[in-house]
Amino acid sequence: MEGDNLTQEDLLKKHKQEKKDLQAKIQSLKKSAPKGDKKKKKEITEEIARLELELNEKHQQELDELCPPAENSIETDENRENETEEQPEQEELLDNNTSTRTSRAQKRRNKKEAEAKEREKRIQEQSERNREGPRVLETNAIKQVLKSMNLKLHNIPADGNCLYLAVNHQLQVTGKSTRSVNDLRKTTADFMRQNKEDFLPFMCNELDESEIVSEEQFENYCKDVATTKLWGGQLELKALSNILKCPIKVIQAAGPPTLQGEQFKGDELILTYHRHLYRLGEHYNSTIPLETDNDDV
């Protein structure tokens, strides 16, 4: 133990300082716990309890060694009074921390509620604008054309395969043999290669539209048609019409329908072409008879 000449008064002062030091360490430990980390908070609580127990046992042992229990009982009571005096300060600090946490939590809730209200307001405003937006106007125009043909829209996923999925759906609607997307893509690419003179002159160079597409660029394009989700257009429609030996009609909002394969007999495959339906760009949908029980777009 520290020096044999230590008086009881000196020892009690030392104990009081050590308790203050421990309280400072406890506050530091509490602040080190990450918010929401229950496991870490539990570990820190256990550590604090251990430190307090060890210090109390150390102080009791030092008191017992300095003077018999009967002699230091009065001083020990005084020590307990000192502890009692410090307790309200600790409780007040805890109450302040709890109040601060509650206040911050309430502020976060208020902020989230305000953000939710603002988001809902923007959604409603956008919904109002969309009623007269190009997407709605285009879709309504196409629906009017289809209604005059006793048809309605059938939605096709916008995944890059919309043209081939729409054509395959029309094969099903008209009672023809259906084909997989991969098969339609491969046969389209093969037909374009075999009839290059009918397709290459109508292709544009992506880097410079004034330049003619090279043989290598044409081959790479056909390869992408066959193996990727490259979006299809008029050239692919022309190829598909020849492959399937049937006319393909495309309804659009502005202008007359386009028709590929008018030389072929039989039922037309009727698609719809949309410029504004999706933000990603142009899109093809299929059609079904108006009386068919199916969902519109």
Protein backbone atom coordinates (compact mmCIF):
# COMPACT_ATOMS: atom_id res chain seq x y z
CA MET A 1 0.00 0.00 0.00
CA GLU A 2 1.14 3.65 -0.63
CA GLY A 3 3.32 4.80 2.33
CA ASP A 4 2.77 3.65 5.89
CA ASN A 5 2.45 7.27 7.12
CA LEU A 6 -0.81 7.84 5.21
CA THR A 7 -3.49 9.15 7.59
CA GLN A 8 -7.14 8.16 7.45
CA GLU A 9 -8.07 11.66 6.23
CA ASP A 10 -5.48 11.44 3.45
CA LEU A 11 -6.79 8.01 2.45
CA LEU A 12 -10.37 9.24 2.22
CA LYS A 13 -9.28 12.20 0.07
CA LYS A 14 -7.42 9.77 -2.17
CA HIS A 15 -10.49 7.55 -2.42
CA LYS A 16 -12.67 10.53 -3.33
CA GLN A 17 -10.31 11.57 -6.13
CA GLU A 18 -10.13 8.02 -7.47
CA LYS A 19 -13.92 7.88 -7.61
CA LYS A 20 -14.02 11.14 -9.54
CA ASP A 21 -11.43 9.76 -11.94
CA LEU A 22 -13.50 6.61 -12.36
CA GLN A 23 -16.64 8.65 -13.11
CA ALA A 24 -14.75 10.54 -15.82
CA LYS A 25 -13.60 7.23 -17.29
CA ILE A 26 -17.18 5.88 -17.15
CA GLN A 27 -18.51 8.90 -19.04
CA SER A 28 -15.81 8.41 -21.66
CA LEU A 29 -16.73 4.73 -22.03
CA LYS A 30 -20.43 5.58 -22.45
CA LYS A 31 -19.68 8.12 -25.16
CA SER A 32 -17.53 5.57 -27.04
CA ALA A 33 -20.49 3.24 -27.62
CA PRO A 34 -21.74 3.52 -31.24
CA LYS A 35 -25.40 4.43 -31.58
CA GLY A 36 -27.60 1.41 -32.12
CA ASP A 37 -24.82 -1.08 -31.24
CA LYS A 38 -26.55 -2.99 -28.43
CA LYS A 39 -23.75 -5.54 -28.11
CA LYS A 40 -21.12 -2.84 -27.55
CA LYS A 41 -23.34 -1.02 -25.03
CA LYS A 42 -23.79 -4.25 -23.07
CA GLU A 43 -20.03 -4.82 -23.00
CA ILE A 44 -19.44 -1.25 -21.76
CA THR A 45 -22.10 -1.61 -19.03
CA GLU A 46 -20.44 -4.80 -17.80
CA GLU A 47 -17.02 -3.12 -17.89
CA ILE A 48 -18.33 -0.16 -15.85
CA ALA A 49 -19.82 -2.50 -13.23
CA ARG A 50 -16.51 -4.37 -12.97
CA LEU A 51 -14.49 -1.17 -12.55
CA GLU A 52 -16.83 0.14 -9.83
CA LEU A 53 -16.73 -3.18 -7.95
CA GLU A 54 -12.94 -3.37 -8.12
CA LEU A 55 -12.53 0.20 -6.87
CA ASN A 56 -14.97 -0.32 -3.99
CA GLU A 57 -13.18 -3.51 -2.95
CA LYS A 58 -9.80 -1.75 -3.19
CA HIS A 59 -10.99 1.14 -1.04
CA GLN A 60 -12.47 -1.18 1.59
CA GLN A 61 -9.26 -3.19 1.73
CA GLU A 62 -7.14 -0.04 2.17
CA LEU A 63 -9.42 1.19 4.96
CA ASP A 64 -9.27 -2.17 6.72
CA GLU A 65 -5.48 -2.19 6.51
CA LEU A 66 -5.16 1.37 7.85
CA CYS A 67 -7.43 0.87 10.87
CA PRO A 68 -9.73 -1.79 12.30
CA PRO A 69 -13.30 -1.93 11.02
CA ALA A 70 -14.63 -0.52 14.33
CA GLU A 71 -12.46 2.58 13.99
CA ASN A 72 -13.12 3.34 10.38
CA SER A 73 -16.86 2.66 10.48
CA ILE A 74 -17.59 6.33 11.12
CA GLU A 75 -15.34 7.41 8.28
CA THR A 76 -16.87 4.77 6.05
CA ASP A 77 -20.31 6.23 6.74
CA GLU A 78 -18.91 9.63 5.84
CA ASN A 79 -17.55 8.11 2.65
CA ARG A 80 -21.01 6.76 1.83
CA GLU A 81 -22.40 10.26 2.38
CA ASN A 82 -19.88 11.60 -0.14
CA GLU A 83 -21.03 8.96 -2.58
CA THR A 84 -24.63 9.99 -1.95
CA GLU A 85 -23.73 13.62 -2.65
CA GLU A 86 -22.16 12.66 -5.96
CA GLN A 87 -25.11 10.45 -7.00
CA PRO A 88 -27.56 13.30 -7.78
CA GLU A 89 -24.92 14.88 -10.00
CA GLN A 90 -24.57 11.62 -11.94
CA GLU A 91 -28.34 11.18 -12.18
CA GLU A 92 -28.72 14.77 -13.38
CA LEU A 93 -26.07 14.17 -16.05
CA LEU A 94 -27.85 10.97 -17.13
CA ASP A 95 -31.19 12.79 -17.30
CA ASN A 96 -29.62 15.52 -19.45
CA ASN A 97 -28.14 12.93 -21.83
CA THR A 98 -31.48 11.12 -22.08
CA SER A 99 -33.25 14.42 -22.75
CA THR A 100 -30.73 15.27 -25.47
CA ARG A 101 -31.17 11.87 -27.10
CA THR A 102 -34.94 12.20 -26.98
CA SER A 103 -34.77 15.68 -28.45
CA ARG A 104 -32.51 14.54 -31.29
CA ALA A 105 -34.71 11.52 -31.99
CA GLN A 106 -37.76 13.78 -32.17
CA LYS A 107 -35.95 16.10 -34.55
CA ARG A 108 -35.10 13.16 -36.81
CA ARG A 109 -38.73 12.01 -36.78
CA ASN A 110 -39.92 15.52 -37.58
CA LYS A 111 -37.43 15.76 -40.44
CA LYS A 112 -38.52 12.41 -41.89
CA GLU A 113 -42.20 13.41 -41.67
CA ALA A 114 -41.46 16.70 -43.44
CA GLU A 115 -39.51 14.91 -46.17
CA ALA A 116 -42.33 12.38 -46.64
CA LYS A 117 -44.89 15.18 -46.98
CA GLU A 118 -42.69 17.02 -49.49
CA ARG A 119 -42.17 13.82 -51.51
CA GLU A 120 -45.91 13.13 -51.58
CA LYS A 121 -46.51 16.69 -52.72
CA ARG A 122 -44.02 16.30 -55.60
CA ILE A 123 -45.62 13.00 -56.63
CA GLN A 124 -49.06 14.62 -56.78
CA GLU A 125 -47.72 17.58 -58.75
CA GLN A 126 -45.98 15.24 -61.20
CA SER A 127 -49.16 13.19 -61.52
CA GLU A 128 -51.08 16.33 -62.47
CA ARG A 129 -48.46 17.25 -65.08
CA ASN A 130 -48.43 13.71 -66.47
CA ARG A 131 -52.13 13.92 -67.33
CA GLU A 132 -51.22 16.19 -70.21
CA GLY A 133 -47.69 14.82 -70.75
CA PRO A 134 -46.43 13.28 -74.02
CA ARG A 135 -46.61 9.74 -72.65
CA VAL A 136 -50.33 9.95 -71.84
CA LEU A 137 -51.20 11.85 -75.02
CA GLU A 138 -49.33 9.34 -77.18
CA THR A 139 -50.88 6.32 -75.45
CA ASN A 140 -54.40 7.76 -75.70
CA ALA A 141 -53.92 8.48 -79.43
CA ILE A 142 -52.76 4.90 -80.06
CA LYS A 143 -55.67 3.50 -78.05
CA GLN A 144 -58.12 5.49 -80.16
CA VAL A 145 -56.65 4.06 -83.37
CA LEU A 146 -56.76 0.53 -81.95
CA LYS A 147 -60.33 0.98 -80.77
CA SER A 148 -61.39 1.79 -84.31
CA MET A 149 -59.77 -1.54 -85.30
CA ASN A 150 -61.54 -3.36 -82.44
CA LEU A 151 -58.17 -3.87 -80.71
CA LYS A 152 -56.47 -2.79 -77.49
CA LEU A 153 -52.93 -2.67 -76.13
CA HIS A 154 -51.12 -5.66 -74.70
CA ASN A 155 -48.13 -4.70 -72.56
CA ILE A 156 -44.69 -6.07 -73.45
CA PRO A 157 -41.73 -5.81 -71.00
CA ALA A 158 -39.21 -3.07 -71.82
CA ASP A 159 -36.03 -5.15 -71.64
CA GLY A 160 -34.45 -4.64 -75.08
CA ASN A 161 -36.33 -7.63 -76.51
CA CYS A 162 -39.68 -5.83 -76.86
CA LEU A 163 -39.83 -6.09 -80.67
CA TYR A 164 -39.19 -9.84 -80.68
CA LEU A 165 -41.48 -10.47 -77.71
CA ALA A 166 -44.27 -8.46 -79.38
CA VAL A 167 -43.85 -10.37 -82.66
CA ASN A 168 -43.89 -13.71 -80.83
CA HIS A 169 -47.03 -12.67 -78.95
CA GLN A 170 -48.69 -11.81 -82.26
CA LEU A 171 -47.77 -15.24 -83.63
CA GLN A 172 -49.65 -16.70 -80.67
CA VAL A 173 -52.65 -14.34 -81.11
CA THR A 174 -52.98 -15.17 -84.82
CA GLY A 175 -52.63 -18.93 -84.25
CA LYS A 176 -49.19 -19.29 -85.85
CA SER A 177 -46.23 -21.28 -84.54
CA THR A 178 -44.42 -19.31 -81.87
CA ARG A 179 -40.65 -18.80 -81.74
CA SER A 180 -38.28 -18.06 -78.90
CA VAL A 181 -36.61 -14.65 -78.69
CA ASN A 182 -33.19 -16.20 -79.24
CA ASP A 183 -34.43 -18.01 -82.37
CA LEU A 184 -36.05 -14.84 -83.74
CA ARG A 185 -32.87 -12.85 -83.12
CA LYS A 186 -30.59 -15.44 -84.71
CA THR A 187 -32.74 -15.89 -87.84
CA THR A 188 -33.09 -12.09 -88.16
CA ALA A 189 -29.30 -11.65 -88.08
CA ASP A 190 -28.78 -14.49 -90.56
CA PHE A 191 -31.38 -13.05 -92.99
CA MET A 192 -29.74 -9.62 -92.84
CA ARG A 193 -26.33 -11.13 -93.57
CA GLN A 194 -27.70 -13.13 -96.49
CA ASN A 195 -29.44 -10.05 -97.92
CA LYS A 196 -26.84 -7.45 -97.04
CA GLU A 197 -27.54 -5.31 -100.13
CA ASP A 198 -31.12 -4.76 -98.90
CA PHE A 199 -30.08 -3.59 -95.44
CA LEU A 200 -26.57 -2.08 -95.40
CA PRO A 201 -27.48 1.05 -97.48
CA PHE A 202 -30.20 1.97 -94.97
CA MET A 203 -27.96 1.76 -91.91
CA CYS A 204 -26.38 4.85 -90.32
CA ASN A 205 -22.88 5.19 -88.96
CA GLU A 206 -23.32 6.01 -85.28
CA LEU A 207 -20.16 8.16 -85.19
CA ASP A 208 -20.82 10.04 -88.45
CA GLU A 209 -24.20 9.73 -90.16
CA SER A 210 -22.70 11.03 -93.43
CA GLU A 211 -20.44 7.99 -93.69
CA ILE A 212 -21.53 4.62 -95.06
CA VAL A 213 -21.48 1.67 -92.68
CA SER A 214 -18.47 -0.55 -93.35
CA GLU A 215 -18.57 -4.31 -93.91
CA GLU A 216 -17.02 -4.83 -90.48
CA GLN A 217 -19.55 -2.54 -88.78
CA PHE A 218 -22.40 -4.33 -90.53
CA GLU A 219 -21.12 -7.72 -89.35
CA ASN A 220 -20.72 -6.44 -85.79
CA TYR A 221 -24.27 -5.09 -85.90
CA CYS A 222 -25.65 -8.45 -87.05
CA LYS A 223 -23.68 -10.17 -84.32
CA ASP A 224 -25.24 -7.85 -81.71
CA VAL A 225 -28.72 -8.53 -83.13
CA ALA A 226 -28.16 -12.25 -82.62
CA THR A 227 -26.39 -12.28 -79.25
CA THR A 228 -27.38 -9.18 -77.25
CA LYS A 229 -30.52 -7.24 -76.28
CA LEU A 230 -29.93 -4.69 -79.04
CA TRP A 231 -33.17 -2.79 -79.65
CA GLY A 232 -34.88 -3.66 -82.95
CA GLY A 233 -36.42 -1.27 -85.50
CA GLN A 234 -37.58 -1.02 -89.11
CA LEU A 235 -34.71 -3.12 -90.51
CA GLU A 236 -35.43 -5.96 -88.10
CA LEU A 237 -39.17 -5.72 -88.83
CA LYS A 238 -38.43 -6.08 -92.54
CA ALA A 239 -36.31 -9.15 -91.88
CA LEU A 240 -38.87 -10.71 -89.55
CA SER A 241 -41.68 -10.19 -92.06
CA ASN A 242 -39.69 -12.08 -94.69
CA ILE A 243 -38.66 -14.83 -92.28
CA LEU A 244 -42.23 -15.41 -91.03
CA LYS A 245 -43.82 -14.86 -94.47
CA CYS A 246 -46.50 -12.55 -93.09
CA PRO A 247 -47.25 -8.81 -93.06
CA ILE A 248 -46.36 -6.82 -89.95
CA LYS A 249 -48.29 -3.60 -89.28
CA VAL A 250 -47.11 -1.03 -86.75
CA ILE A 251 -49.58 1.47 -85.25
CA GLN A 252 -48.23 4.80 -83.97
CA ALA A 253 -49.72 7.95 -82.47
CA ALA A 254 -48.85 10.28 -85.34
CA GLY A 255 -49.09 9.38 -89.00
CA PRO A 256 -50.43 6.33 -90.80
CA PRO A 257 -49.45 2.78 -89.80
CA THR A 258 -46.31 1.32 -91.37
CA LEU A 259 -46.49 -2.04 -93.10
CA GLN A 260 -43.74 -4.54 -93.81
CA GLY A 261 -44.28 -7.60 -96.01
CA GLU A 262 -47.41 -6.39 -97.80
CA GLN A 263 -46.68 -8.98 -100.47
CA PHE A 264 -47.50 -11.79 -98.04
CA LYS A 265 -50.99 -13.16 -97.48
CA GLY A 266 -52.65 -14.04 -94.18
CA ASP A 267 -53.32 -12.29 -90.90
CA GLU A 268 -51.24 -9.23 -90.08
CA LEU A 269 -49.11 -9.10 -86.97
CA ILE A 270 -50.20 -5.81 -85.40
CA LEU A 271 -47.77 -4.01 -83.08
CA THR A 272 -47.77 -0.52 -81.55
CA TYR A 273 -44.79 1.83 -81.56
CA HIS A 274 -44.21 4.23 -78.66
CA ARG A 275 -41.68 7.07 -78.50
CA HIS A 276 -42.54 8.32 -75.01
CA LEU A 277 -43.82 5.33 -73.05
CA TYR A 278 -40.54 4.77 -71.20
CA ARG A 279 -37.70 7.10 -70.36
CA LEU A 280 -35.17 4.65 -71.80
CA GLY A 281 -36.46 5.29 -75.32
CA GLU A 282 -38.61 3.74 -78.02
CA HIS A 283 -40.75 0.71 -77.31
CA TYR A 284 -42.97 -1.85 -79.04
CA ASN A 285 -46.15 -3.32 -77.58
CA SER A 286 -48.48 -5.97 -78.92
CA THR A 287 -52.28 -5.91 -79.40
CA ILE A 288 -55.23 -8.14 -78.61
CA PRO A 289 -58.91 -8.14 -79.67
CA LEU A 290 -60.92 -5.56 -77.71
CA GLU A 291 -63.22 -8.15 -76.17
CA THR A 292 -60.29 -10.18 -74.77
CA ASP A 293 -60.24 -10.14 -70.97
CA ASN A 294 -56.73 -8.81 -70.40
CA ASP A 295 -55.10 -5.81 -68.75
CA ASP A 296 -54.36 -2.66 -70.72
CA VAL A 297 -51.03 -0.87 -70.50
